Amino acid sequence: MANIKKDNNSVPCIAGVLDTDGSTVTQMEASPAGHVLAVCDGTTGADAGGTKAVHDANDERTLIAASSSDETPVSLYVDSSGQLLIKSS
C-alpha cells in the first residue's frame, strides 16, 4: 500500500484508488511544468470501489466525490500512470 505524500506543512497530495481493484491507494500526478493534473478522458469500466474513502498506512484518506445521480459517495479512480479517470461526455 502506498502512503500519501505530504508537503513540508503536512498538507497531503491528492490521491484516489487504483482503477483495477478499487482499494489500492494511488496518488494523482501533475505536470511540474504546467501545473496540470494528468487525466485519462472517456474511460469506462466496472465499479470496484466502495462508498467510503480508503485509508493509507498512515490513516490518511483518499478523495471521494458525490455521485451525479444520487449524491452518494464515489471513489475517485486513478490508473497506474497516476492519471485521474474522467468521462467528459
N, C-alpha and C. Protein backbone atom coordinates (compact mmCIF):
# COMPACT_ATOMS: atom_id res chain seq x y z
N MET A 1 0.84 -1.18 0.00
CA MET A 1 0.00 0.00 0.00
C MET A 1 0.89 1.24 0.00
N ALA A 2 0.57 2.18 -0.86
CA ALA A 2 1.32 3.43 -0.94
C ALA A 2 0.84 4.40 0.14
N ASN A 3 1.76 5.16 0.68
CA ASN A 3 1.38 6.22 1.61
C ASN A 3 1.29 7.52 0.84
N ILE A 4 0.31 8.32 1.17
CA ILE A 4 0.08 9.60 0.51
C ILE A 4 1.18 10.57 0.97
N LYS A 5 1.87 11.14 0.01
CA LYS A 5 2.95 12.09 0.32
C LYS A 5 2.36 13.40 0.86
N LYS A 6 3.16 14.08 1.70
CA LYS A 6 2.76 15.37 2.26
C LYS A 6 3.86 16.38 2.00
N ASP A 7 3.47 17.66 1.95
CA ASP A 7 4.47 18.71 1.80
C ASP A 7 5.05 19.07 3.17
N ASN A 8 5.90 20.09 3.21
CA ASN A 8 6.55 20.48 4.47
C ASN A 8 5.58 21.04 5.51
N ASN A 9 4.36 21.38 5.08
CA ASN A 9 3.34 21.87 6.02
C ASN A 9 2.33 20.78 6.38
N SER A 10 2.66 19.53 6.07
CA SER A 10 1.81 18.36 6.34
C SER A 10 0.51 18.35 5.55
N VAL A 11 0.48 19.03 4.40
CA VAL A 11 -0.69 19.00 3.52
C VAL A 11 -0.53 17.81 2.58
N PRO A 12 -1.53 16.90 2.57
CA PRO A 12 -1.39 15.70 1.74
C PRO A 12 -1.61 15.99 0.25
N CYS A 13 -0.91 15.20 -0.58
CA CYS A 13 -1.16 15.23 -2.03
C CYS A 13 -2.52 14.56 -2.28
N ILE A 14 -3.10 14.84 -3.44
CA ILE A 14 -4.39 14.23 -3.75
C ILE A 14 -4.18 12.79 -4.21
N ALA A 15 -5.08 11.93 -3.78
CA ALA A 15 -4.98 10.52 -4.12
C ALA A 15 -6.38 9.93 -4.24
N GLY A 16 -6.46 8.90 -5.04
CA GLY A 16 -7.69 8.13 -5.20
C GLY A 16 -7.33 6.67 -5.03
N VAL A 17 -8.12 5.80 -5.66
CA VAL A 17 -7.85 4.36 -5.60
C VAL A 17 -7.56 3.84 -7.00
N LEU A 18 -6.76 2.80 -7.07
CA LEU A 18 -6.39 2.20 -8.34
C LEU A 18 -7.63 1.64 -9.04
N ASP A 19 -7.77 1.95 -10.31
CA ASP A 19 -8.97 1.57 -11.05
C ASP A 19 -9.16 0.07 -11.20
N THR A 20 -8.12 -0.71 -11.08
CA THR A 20 -8.25 -2.15 -11.28
C THR A 20 -8.77 -2.91 -10.07
N ASP A 21 -8.59 -2.34 -8.85
CA ASP A 21 -9.08 -3.07 -7.68
C ASP A 21 -9.94 -2.22 -6.74
N GLY A 22 -9.94 -0.90 -6.90
CA GLY A 22 -10.78 -0.04 -6.07
C GLY A 22 -10.33 0.07 -4.63
N SER A 23 -9.12 -0.41 -4.31
CA SER A 23 -8.69 -0.35 -2.91
C SER A 23 -7.24 0.08 -2.71
N THR A 24 -6.41 0.01 -3.74
CA THR A 24 -5.01 0.41 -3.61
C THR A 24 -4.89 1.92 -3.71
N VAL A 25 -4.34 2.55 -2.67
CA VAL A 25 -4.15 3.99 -2.67
C VAL A 25 -3.18 4.37 -3.78
N THR A 26 -3.61 5.31 -4.65
CA THR A 26 -2.80 5.72 -5.79
C THR A 26 -2.83 7.24 -5.91
N GLN A 27 -1.65 7.85 -5.89
CA GLN A 27 -1.57 9.31 -5.98
C GLN A 27 -1.80 9.78 -7.41
N MET A 28 -2.48 10.91 -7.53
CA MET A 28 -2.67 11.54 -8.82
C MET A 28 -1.42 12.34 -9.14
N GLU A 29 -1.10 12.46 -10.41
CA GLU A 29 0.10 13.18 -10.81
C GLU A 29 -0.24 14.44 -11.59
N ALA A 30 0.66 15.40 -11.54
CA ALA A 30 0.51 16.66 -12.26
C ALA A 30 1.83 16.99 -12.95
N SER A 31 1.73 17.75 -14.02
CA SER A 31 2.91 18.19 -14.74
C SER A 31 3.60 19.29 -13.93
N PRO A 32 4.87 19.12 -13.60
CA PRO A 32 5.56 20.16 -12.84
C PRO A 32 5.77 21.43 -13.66
N ALA A 33 5.79 21.31 -14.99
CA ALA A 33 5.99 22.48 -15.84
C ALA A 33 4.70 23.29 -15.99
N GLY A 34 3.59 22.60 -16.20
CA GLY A 34 2.33 23.30 -16.45
C GLY A 34 1.37 23.32 -15.28
N HIS A 35 1.71 22.60 -14.21
CA HIS A 35 0.85 22.51 -13.03
C HIS A 35 -0.55 22.02 -13.41
N VAL A 36 -0.59 21.02 -14.31
CA VAL A 36 -1.85 20.48 -14.82
C VAL A 36 -2.00 19.04 -14.35
N LEU A 37 -3.17 18.70 -13.83
CA LEU A 37 -3.47 17.35 -13.37
C LEU A 37 -3.53 16.41 -14.57
N ALA A 38 -2.90 15.25 -14.47
CA ALA A 38 -2.94 14.26 -15.54
C ALA A 38 -4.27 13.51 -15.48
N VAL A 39 -5.00 13.48 -16.59
CA VAL A 39 -6.28 12.78 -16.64
C VAL A 39 -6.34 11.86 -17.85
N CYS A 40 -7.21 10.88 -17.77
CA CYS A 40 -7.48 9.99 -18.88
C CYS A 40 -8.98 10.13 -19.14
N ASP A 41 -9.34 10.73 -20.26
CA ASP A 41 -10.73 11.05 -20.56
C ASP A 41 -11.43 9.94 -21.34
N GLY A 42 -12.72 9.78 -21.09
CA GLY A 42 -13.54 8.84 -21.84
C GLY A 42 -13.43 7.41 -21.37
N THR A 43 -12.94 7.22 -20.16
CA THR A 43 -12.75 5.86 -19.66
C THR A 43 -14.06 5.28 -19.15
N THR A 44 -14.17 3.98 -19.24
CA THR A 44 -15.32 3.25 -18.70
C THR A 44 -14.80 2.02 -17.99
N GLY A 45 -15.65 1.40 -17.22
CA GLY A 45 -15.24 0.18 -16.54
C GLY A 45 -16.17 -0.17 -15.41
N ALA A 46 -15.89 -1.28 -14.78
CA ALA A 46 -16.71 -1.76 -13.67
C ALA A 46 -16.38 -0.98 -12.40
N ASP A 47 -17.35 -0.88 -11.51
CA ASP A 47 -17.16 -0.19 -10.24
C ASP A 47 -16.55 -1.17 -9.24
N ALA A 48 -15.28 -0.97 -8.93
CA ALA A 48 -14.59 -1.84 -7.98
C ALA A 48 -14.48 -1.19 -6.61
N GLY A 49 -14.90 0.06 -6.49
CA GLY A 49 -14.72 0.79 -5.24
C GLY A 49 -15.96 0.80 -4.37
N GLY A 50 -15.77 1.19 -3.13
CA GLY A 50 -16.87 1.28 -2.19
C GLY A 50 -17.37 2.70 -2.06
N THR A 51 -18.13 2.95 -1.01
CA THR A 51 -18.68 4.28 -0.78
C THR A 51 -17.98 5.00 0.37
N LYS A 52 -16.86 4.44 0.83
CA LYS A 52 -16.07 5.07 1.89
C LYS A 52 -14.67 5.34 1.37
N ALA A 53 -14.07 6.42 1.85
CA ALA A 53 -12.70 6.75 1.45
C ALA A 53 -11.74 5.69 1.98
N VAL A 54 -10.81 5.28 1.14
CA VAL A 54 -9.79 4.32 1.53
C VAL A 54 -8.69 5.06 2.30
N HIS A 55 -8.11 4.42 3.28
CA HIS A 55 -7.04 5.00 4.10
C HIS A 55 -5.72 4.34 3.75
N ASP A 56 -4.63 5.13 3.80
CA ASP A 56 -3.30 4.54 3.61
C ASP A 56 -2.80 4.03 4.96
N ALA A 57 -1.56 3.57 5.00
CA ALA A 57 -1.00 3.00 6.22
C ALA A 57 -0.86 4.04 7.34
N ASN A 58 -0.84 5.33 6.99
CA ASN A 58 -0.76 6.40 7.99
C ASN A 58 -2.11 6.99 8.32
N ASP A 59 -3.18 6.32 7.90
CA ASP A 59 -4.57 6.72 8.14
C ASP A 59 -4.96 8.00 7.39
N GLU A 60 -4.20 8.35 6.36
CA GLU A 60 -4.55 9.49 5.50
C GLU A 60 -5.61 9.00 4.50
N ARG A 61 -6.63 9.81 4.25
CA ARG A 61 -7.74 9.39 3.40
C ARG A 61 -7.56 9.79 1.94
N THR A 62 -8.08 8.93 1.05
CA THR A 62 -8.15 9.27 -0.37
C THR A 62 -9.35 10.19 -0.57
N LEU A 63 -9.44 10.80 -1.76
CA LEU A 63 -10.56 11.67 -2.07
C LEU A 63 -11.75 10.88 -2.59
N ILE A 64 -12.94 11.40 -2.34
CA ILE A 64 -14.17 10.85 -2.89
C ILE A 64 -14.98 12.02 -3.45
N ALA A 65 -15.96 11.71 -4.26
CA ALA A 65 -16.83 12.74 -4.84
C ALA A 65 -18.28 12.31 -4.64
N ALA A 66 -19.21 13.23 -4.88
CA ALA A 66 -20.63 12.92 -4.79
C ALA A 66 -21.14 12.43 -6.15
N SER A 67 -21.92 11.37 -6.14
CA SER A 67 -22.49 10.82 -7.36
C SER A 67 -23.39 11.85 -8.03
N SER A 68 -23.32 11.93 -9.37
CA SER A 68 -24.17 12.87 -10.11
C SER A 68 -25.62 12.40 -10.15
N SER A 69 -25.88 11.14 -9.84
CA SER A 69 -27.25 10.64 -9.90
C SER A 69 -27.99 10.73 -8.56
N ASP A 70 -27.29 10.42 -7.47
CA ASP A 70 -28.00 10.44 -6.18
C ASP A 70 -27.17 10.99 -5.02
N GLU A 71 -26.00 11.56 -5.31
CA GLU A 71 -25.13 12.20 -4.33
C GLU A 71 -24.51 11.26 -3.31
N THR A 72 -24.54 9.93 -3.54
CA THR A 72 -23.82 9.02 -2.66
C THR A 72 -22.33 9.17 -2.92
N PRO A 73 -21.48 8.85 -1.94
CA PRO A 73 -20.04 8.95 -2.14
C PRO A 73 -19.54 8.00 -3.23
N VAL A 74 -18.59 8.48 -4.02
CA VAL A 74 -18.00 7.71 -5.12
C VAL A 74 -16.48 7.81 -5.01
N SER A 75 -15.81 6.67 -5.07
CA SER A 75 -14.34 6.68 -5.06
C SER A 75 -13.82 7.28 -6.36
N LEU A 76 -12.74 8.04 -6.27
CA LEU A 76 -12.09 8.56 -7.47
C LEU A 76 -11.05 7.55 -7.93
N TYR A 77 -11.15 7.13 -9.19
CA TYR A 77 -10.23 6.13 -9.74
C TYR A 77 -9.04 6.80 -10.40
N VAL A 78 -7.88 6.18 -10.20
CA VAL A 78 -6.62 6.63 -10.77
C VAL A 78 -6.00 5.42 -11.45
N ASP A 79 -5.44 5.61 -12.65
CA ASP A 79 -4.79 4.46 -13.30
C ASP A 79 -3.35 4.33 -12.80
N SER A 80 -2.67 3.29 -13.23
CA SER A 80 -1.32 3.01 -12.75
C SER A 80 -0.30 4.06 -13.17
N SER A 81 -0.67 4.95 -14.09
CA SER A 81 0.20 6.05 -14.50
C SER A 81 -0.04 7.32 -13.70
N GLY A 82 -0.95 7.28 -12.73
CA GLY A 82 -1.25 8.44 -11.92
C GLY A 82 -2.27 9.38 -12.53
N GLN A 83 -2.97 8.93 -13.57
CA GLN A 83 -3.97 9.77 -14.24
C GLN A 83 -5.34 9.57 -13.58
N LEU A 84 -6.00 10.68 -13.26
CA LEU A 84 -7.37 10.64 -12.77
C LEU A 84 -8.28 10.23 -13.93
N LEU A 85 -9.14 9.24 -13.70
CA LEU A 85 -10.04 8.78 -14.76
C LEU A 85 -11.30 9.64 -14.77
N ILE A 86 -11.60 10.23 -15.91
CA ILE A 86 -12.78 11.08 -16.05
C ILE A 86 -13.53 10.69 -17.31
N LYS A 87 -14.76 11.15 -17.41
CA LYS A 87 -15.54 10.98 -18.63
C LYS A 87 -16.26 12.30 -18.86
N SER A 88 -15.79 13.08 -19.83
CA SER A 88 -16.31 14.43 -20.03
C SER A 88 -17.59 14.45 -20.86
N SER A 89 -17.96 13.37 -21.49
CA SER A 89 -19.18 13.38 -22.31
C SER A 89 -20.29 12.61 -21.65
